[in-house]
Amino acid sequence: MVYSVPGELNVYTGPEILQYSQKGFFGPERHIWFNFTIRDNDTIGNLQQIKVVTYHRQYSSLSDVDSREYHYTFTWTWSEGWKEETYTEHLGYNSSPTDSTAITGDWELEIICDTKCVPGLWDIYLEVVDQQQGRDTLTVNIEGYGPYEVVIENVLATADTQVTVKAYIEVTNYNSRYAPDVTLVTQIYDTVNNLLTEKNTTINVPTEYSKLVEVKLTFTDQAGEQYILTAYVVDPHQIPSTEARYVFEVTAAVIPPPYIPSPPTPPPVAPVPVPSWFWTFVAVIILIIIIIIVVFILIRMSKGKPISISETWS
């Protein structure tokens, strides 16, 4: 037996995020534009709330509380429109549909990053909930460069006609995917914040790796007791890292005593070689003397005279 029940059969479907677009990167005072389209077959007037959560993937998470460095939360409702949950200065230009009877609608949200915002890898989480608690979610990865960490390890400053500063700076790239050429900016200030010198150095730090960089700077001594060295990295999107600072003093250059060389040792006098004819001459003289003595002895003996040694040499 077949029974027919009068009435209509309603098939409920929850809200759906159809498409989105994103432009910009997170960093101090940077702007991100996030636009999306939502469909609800029961009309978009059935939507209860839209939530957008942005957070740093390394230092925060979706469930963390808001912070100026790593986490912002925005919500939209028909009654209040867009608002920021914890702060107020991070919500920029925004728009939303005006026709609640439409099936689809477009939303726009500009996020203004805080001055303390840490650049790097961020997520934008989008959640749509309707009156029947149906929901749809979307997570967008903002594949920015970095984050980079800069640490000034050591500074040596000596003064002569100018101050010469040699600094050793460690730069760490925490990104697991990107390792572009970046600019290491080093600056020296006096204690009243006057810029004395600046140097930009192009470096490349492999992914998830640290590199020690040696930087040399010179400036004219202002007769100050202390100076401040700052260092930070700027990525290809012109997003700077957190600045590192190092206070140092200038030491007078140690001048070594003048070098006085020892007088050279005179070379030894080479012996004058005796020519071979000299010894021949000596031999001839000796032979002549012997012949004379022999002749003298023979003459004495022929005369019958005795010979004594004294007579021989007289």
Protein backbone atom coordinates (compact mmCIF):
# COMPACT_ATOMS: atom_id res chain seq x y z
CA MET A 1 0.00 0.00 0.00
CA VAL A 2 1.36 3.42 -0.96
CA TYR A 3 0.50 6.55 1.00
CA SER A 4 0.98 10.09 -0.25
CA VAL A 5 1.71 12.90 2.18
CA PRO A 6 0.79 16.39 1.03
CA GLY A 7 3.32 19.21 1.43
CA GLU A 8 6.78 20.28 0.19
CA LEU A 9 10.13 18.54 0.67
CA ASN A 10 12.86 21.03 1.49
CA VAL A 11 16.46 19.89 1.01
CA TYR A 12 18.68 22.01 3.25
CA THR A 13 22.14 23.02 2.11
CA GLY A 14 24.51 25.09 4.17
CA PRO A 15 26.40 28.18 3.07
CA GLU A 16 29.23 27.80 0.59
CA ILE A 17 32.33 29.89 -0.04
CA LEU A 18 32.48 30.15 -3.82
CA GLN A 19 35.71 32.06 -4.45
CA TYR A 20 38.21 34.43 -2.90
CA SER A 21 41.12 36.72 -3.76
CA GLN A 22 43.97 38.01 -1.65
CA LYS A 23 46.60 40.70 -2.19
CA GLY A 24 49.39 41.91 0.06
CA PHE A 25 51.67 40.54 2.75
CA PHE A 26 51.81 40.75 6.52
CA GLY A 27 54.40 43.00 8.15
CA PRO A 28 54.64 46.26 10.14
CA GLU A 29 51.98 48.65 8.81
CA ARG A 30 51.43 46.51 5.69
CA HIS A 31 47.95 46.14 4.12
CA ILE A 32 46.18 42.94 3.05
CA TRP A 33 43.06 42.97 0.88
CA PHE A 34 40.82 39.90 1.26
CA ASN A 35 37.70 39.55 -0.93
CA PHE A 36 35.34 36.57 -1.11
CA THR A 37 31.96 35.44 -2.43
CA ILE A 38 29.41 33.37 -0.46
CA ARG A 39 26.32 31.52 -1.63
CA ASP A 40 23.39 30.41 0.53
CA ASN A 41 20.45 28.75 -1.18
CA ASP A 42 18.19 30.06 1.59
CA THR A 43 19.38 33.58 0.63
CA ILE A 44 22.36 35.28 2.21
CA GLY A 45 19.95 36.87 4.65
CA ASN A 46 20.06 33.49 6.40
CA LEU A 47 23.72 34.01 7.30
CA GLN A 48 24.32 34.42 11.02
CA GLN A 49 28.01 35.36 11.15
CA ILE A 50 31.20 35.57 9.12
CA LYS A 51 34.51 35.34 10.94
CA VAL A 52 38.00 36.12 9.61
CA VAL A 53 41.02 35.16 11.73
CA THR A 54 44.56 36.02 10.64
CA TYR A 55 47.50 34.53 12.52
CA HIS A 56 51.22 33.88 12.22
CA ARG A 57 51.78 30.19 11.48
CA GLN A 58 55.04 29.95 13.40
CA TYR A 59 54.35 31.99 16.52
CA SER A 60 50.58 31.57 16.86
CA SER A 61 47.61 29.37 15.97
CA LEU A 62 43.94 29.68 15.05
CA SER A 63 42.78 29.18 18.66
CA ASP A 64 45.19 31.69 20.24
CA VAL A 65 44.04 35.01 21.65
CA ASP A 66 44.53 38.17 19.63
CA SER A 67 47.86 39.99 19.79
CA ARG A 68 49.29 42.93 17.89
CA GLU A 69 52.24 40.85 16.78
CA TYR A 70 50.65 37.58 15.63
CA HIS A 71 46.83 37.41 15.70
CA TYR A 72 43.78 39.50 14.58
CA THR A 73 40.08 38.55 14.56
CA PHE A 74 37.28 40.20 12.54
CA THR A 75 33.55 39.37 12.43
CA TRP A 76 30.59 40.40 10.28
CA THR A 77 26.85 40.27 10.99
CA TRP A 78 23.86 41.83 9.31
CA SER A 79 23.17 44.02 12.32
CA GLU A 80 26.70 45.32 13.01
CA GLY A 81 28.58 44.86 9.75
CA TRP A 82 32.35 44.42 10.02
CA LYS A 83 34.12 44.91 13.35
CA GLU A 84 37.43 43.91 14.94
CA GLU A 85 37.00 41.78 18.04
CA THR A 86 39.91 42.87 20.27
CA TYR A 87 41.40 46.00 18.72
CA THR A 88 40.10 48.72 16.43
CA GLU A 89 43.06 49.99 14.38
CA HIS A 90 43.51 46.93 12.16
CA LEU A 91 40.18 47.16 10.33
CA GLY A 92 40.53 49.15 7.11
CA TYR A 93 38.19 49.59 4.16
CA ASN A 94 35.36 47.05 4.11
CA SER A 95 32.10 46.33 2.30
CA SER A 96 29.29 43.76 2.30
CA PRO A 97 26.07 43.00 0.37
CA THR A 98 23.02 45.15 0.88
CA ASP A 99 20.42 42.80 -0.64
CA SER A 100 19.67 40.09 1.92
CA THR A 101 17.30 38.30 -0.48
CA ALA A 102 20.08 37.45 -2.94
CA ILE A 103 21.50 33.95 -3.16
CA THR A 104 25.13 35.13 -3.44
CA GLY A 105 27.02 38.12 -2.13
CA ASP A 106 30.50 39.68 -2.18
CA TRP A 107 32.44 40.83 0.89
CA GLU A 108 35.60 42.94 1.03
CA LEU A 109 37.98 43.35 3.97
CA GLU A 110 41.17 45.41 4.26
CA ILE A 111 43.46 44.36 7.11
CA ILE A 112 45.93 46.99 8.34
CA CYS A 113 48.85 45.33 10.10
CA ASP A 114 50.02 46.69 13.41
CA THR A 115 53.37 48.46 13.79
CA LYS A 116 54.39 45.42 15.88
CA CYS A 117 53.21 42.89 13.28
CA VAL A 118 55.85 40.21 12.69
CA PRO A 119 56.31 39.38 8.99
CA GLY A 120 56.55 35.85 7.67
CA LEU A 121 54.15 32.99 7.04
CA TRP A 122 50.54 33.84 7.95
CA ASP A 123 47.12 32.21 7.49
CA ILE A 124 43.76 33.82 6.81
CA TYR A 125 40.94 31.66 8.17
CA LEU A 126 37.40 32.31 6.88
CA GLU A 127 34.33 30.79 8.55
CA VAL A 128 30.69 31.25 7.49
CA VAL A 129 27.78 30.14 9.73
CA ASP A 130 24.05 30.37 8.96
CA GLN A 131 20.94 30.32 11.14
CA GLN A 132 20.76 26.50 11.04
CA GLN A 133 24.41 26.29 12.20
CA GLY A 134 25.50 25.11 8.79
CA ARG A 135 29.01 26.26 8.06
CA ASP A 136 31.79 26.40 5.51
CA THR A 137 35.44 27.25 6.12
CA LEU A 138 38.48 28.25 4.10
CA THR A 139 42.17 28.71 5.04
CA VAL A 140 44.42 30.84 2.85
CA ASN A 141 48.20 30.59 3.20
CA ILE A 142 50.01 33.87 2.77
CA GLU A 143 53.34 32.63 1.47
CA GLY A 144 55.43 35.62 2.33
CA TYR A 145 59.19 35.42 2.79
CA GLY A 146 60.81 34.93 6.14
CA PRO A 147 60.36 35.37 8.96
CA TYR A 148 63.93 36.49 9.48
CA GLU A 149 65.60 36.89 12.84
CA VAL A 150 68.59 39.22 13.20
CA VAL A 151 70.98 39.05 16.16
CA ILE A 152 74.05 41.27 16.58
CA GLU A 153 76.65 38.93 18.04
CA ASN A 154 79.67 41.18 18.49
CA VAL A 155 80.83 44.74 17.77
CA LEU A 156 84.39 46.09 17.78
CA ALA A 157 84.87 49.83 17.34
CA THR A 158 88.21 51.63 17.23
CA ALA A 159 89.00 55.30 16.64
CA ASP A 160 91.82 56.82 14.65
CA THR A 161 91.10 59.58 12.13
CA GLN A 162 87.64 57.94 11.86
CA VAL A 163 85.73 55.38 13.86
CA THR A 164 85.87 51.93 12.30
CA VAL A 165 83.17 49.47 13.37
CA LYS A 166 83.36 45.76 12.67
CA ALA A 167 80.14 43.87 13.49
CA TYR A 168 79.25 40.20 13.33
CA ILE A 169 75.54 39.70 12.68
CA GLU A 170 73.66 36.39 12.64
CA VAL A 171 70.68 36.20 10.27
CA THR A 172 68.24 33.27 10.48
CA ASN A 173 65.67 32.40 7.79
CA TYR A 174 62.82 30.39 9.36
CA ASN A 175 60.99 29.86 6.07
CA SER A 176 61.00 26.22 4.95
CA ARG A 177 60.32 27.06 1.28
CA TYR A 178 61.77 30.40 0.26
CA ALA A 179 65.30 31.79 0.38
CA PRO A 180 65.49 34.89 -1.82
CA ASP A 181 68.24 37.50 -1.80
CA VAL A 182 67.47 39.98 0.97
CA THR A 183 69.00 43.24 2.14
CA LEU A 184 70.73 43.46 5.51
CA VAL A 185 70.44 47.09 6.66
CA THR A 186 72.94 48.26 9.29
CA GLN A 187 72.83 51.75 10.80
CA ILE A 188 74.73 53.62 13.52
CA TYR A 189 73.08 56.32 15.64
CA ASP A 190 74.31 58.51 18.44
CA THR A 191 72.46 58.66 21.75
CA VAL A 192 70.14 61.43 20.53
CA ASN A 193 69.10 59.33 17.52
CA ASN A 194 71.13 61.10 14.83
CA LEU A 195 71.97 58.76 11.96
CA LEU A 196 75.76 58.71 11.52
CA THR A 197 76.19 56.04 8.84
CA GLU A 198 74.25 53.32 7.04
CA LYS A 199 75.14 50.31 4.92
CA ASN A 200 73.00 47.94 2.82
CA THR A 201 74.37 44.46 2.18
CA THR A 202 72.73 41.90 -0.13
CA ILE A 203 72.81 38.44 1.44
CA ASN A 204 71.19 35.06 0.90
CA VAL A 205 70.28 32.80 3.80
CA PRO A 206 69.17 29.25 2.90
CA THR A 207 65.81 28.00 4.17
CA GLU A 208 65.74 27.10 7.87
CA TYR A 209 69.39 28.14 8.19
CA SER A 210 71.51 30.79 9.94
CA LYS A 211 74.37 32.77 8.46
CA LEU A 212 76.99 34.91 10.22
CA VAL A 213 77.67 38.11 8.29
CA GLU A 214 80.60 40.47 8.87
CA VAL A 215 79.84 44.15 8.24
CA LYS A 216 82.27 47.08 8.40
CA LEU A 217 81.16 50.70 8.80
CA THR A 218 83.03 53.97 9.34
CA PHE A 219 81.89 57.36 10.62
CA THR A 220 83.34 60.55 12.03
CA ASP A 221 83.61 60.45 15.80
CA GLN A 222 81.18 62.83 17.49
CA ALA A 223 83.03 62.66 20.82
CA GLY A 224 80.21 60.60 22.20
CA GLU A 225 80.65 58.00 24.88
CA GLN A 226 78.19 55.50 23.39
CA TYR A 227 76.68 54.67 20.02
CA ILE A 228 73.87 52.39 18.84
CA LEU A 229 74.15 49.86 16.03
CA THR A 230 70.86 48.64 14.52
CA ALA A 231 70.39 45.81 12.03
CA TYR A 232 67.38 44.34 10.22
CA VAL A 233 66.54 42.43 7.03
CA VAL A 234 64.29 43.69 4.22
CA ASP A 235 62.80 41.01 1.95
CA PRO A 236 61.85 41.42 -1.76
CA HIS A 237 58.38 42.66 -0.75
CA GLN A 238 60.05 45.43 1.27
CA ILE A 239 58.87 43.82 4.50
CA PRO A 240 61.40 44.46 7.29
CA SER A 241 62.25 42.06 10.07
CA THR A 242 62.31 42.99 13.74
CA GLU A 243 65.19 45.37 14.39
CA ALA A 244 68.17 44.28 16.48
CA ARG A 245 70.05 46.88 18.57
CA TYR A 246 73.51 46.92 20.11
CA VAL A 247 75.00 49.69 22.28
CA PHE A 248 78.78 50.03 22.02
CA GLU A 249 81.64 52.31 22.98
CA VAL A 250 84.61 53.45 20.93
CA THR A 251 88.09 52.54 22.09
CA ALA A 252 91.22 54.38 21.03
CA ALA A 253 93.32 52.55 18.53
CA VAL A 254 96.49 51.11 20.05
CA ILE A 255 99.49 52.50 18.15
CA PRO A 256 102.39 50.07 18.23
CA PRO A 257 105.89 51.49 18.93
CA PRO A 258 107.87 52.33 15.82
CA TYR A 259 109.86 49.48 14.46
CA ILE A 260 113.59 50.10 14.56
CA PRO A 261 115.43 47.45 12.64
CA SER A 262 118.64 46.06 14.10
CA PRO A 263 121.79 47.09 12.25
CA PRO A 264 122.77 44.48 9.75
CA THR A 265 125.58 42.14 10.73
CA PRO A 266 128.61 42.76 8.46
CA PRO A 267 129.40 39.79 6.34
CA PRO A 268 132.49 37.82 7.40
CA VAL A 269 135.70 38.79 5.65
CA ALA A 270 136.48 36.18 3.13
CA PRO A 271 140.06 34.88 3.38
CA VAL A 272 142.35 36.07 0.60
CA PRO A 273 143.31 33.02 -1.38
CA VAL A 274 147.09 32.40 -1.59
CA PRO A 275 148.16 32.07 -5.20
CA SER A 276 149.85 28.81 -6.13
CA TRP A 277 153.05 30.56 -7.37
CA PHE A 278 153.70 31.82 -3.83
CA TRP A 279 154.34 28.34 -2.52
CA THR A 280 156.58 27.60 -5.49
CA PHE A 281 158.56 30.73 -4.68
CA VAL A 282 158.93 29.69 -1.02
CA ALA A 283 160.12 26.26 -2.03
CA VAL A 284 162.72 27.73 -4.36
CA ILE A 285 164.05 30.07 -1.60
CA ILE A 286 164.33 27.19 0.85
CA LEU A 287 166.14 25.10 -1.72
CA ILE A 288 168.60 27.94 -2.41
CA ILE A 289 169.28 28.34 1.32
CA ILE A 290 169.95 24.62 1.64
CA ILE A 291 172.34 24.67 -1.33
CA ILE A 292 174.25 27.64 0.18
CA ILE A 293 174.60 25.83 3.51
CA VAL A 294 175.83 22.66 1.82
CA VAL A 295 178.37 24.59 -0.25
CA PHE A 296 179.60 26.40 2.84
CA ILE A 297 180.08 23.13 4.70
CA LEU A 298 181.95 21.58 1.81
CA ILE A 299 184.30 24.56 1.58
CA ARG A 300 185.13 24.40 5.29
CA MET A 301 185.70 20.72 5.15
CA SER A 302 188.06 21.11 2.20
CA LYS A 303 190.20 23.51 4.26
CA GLY A 304 190.26 21.20 7.24
CA LYS A 305 188.34 23.51 9.46
CA PRO A 306 185.83 22.27 11.95
CA ILE A 307 182.19 23.22 11.45
CA SER A 308 179.94 24.34 14.27
CA ILE A 309 176.29 25.26 14.24
CA SER A 310 177.10 28.81 15.23
CA GLU A 311 179.42 29.18 12.29
CA THR A 312 176.84 27.87 9.94
CA TRP A 313 174.41 30.72 10.70
CA SER A 314 177.02 33.45 11.24
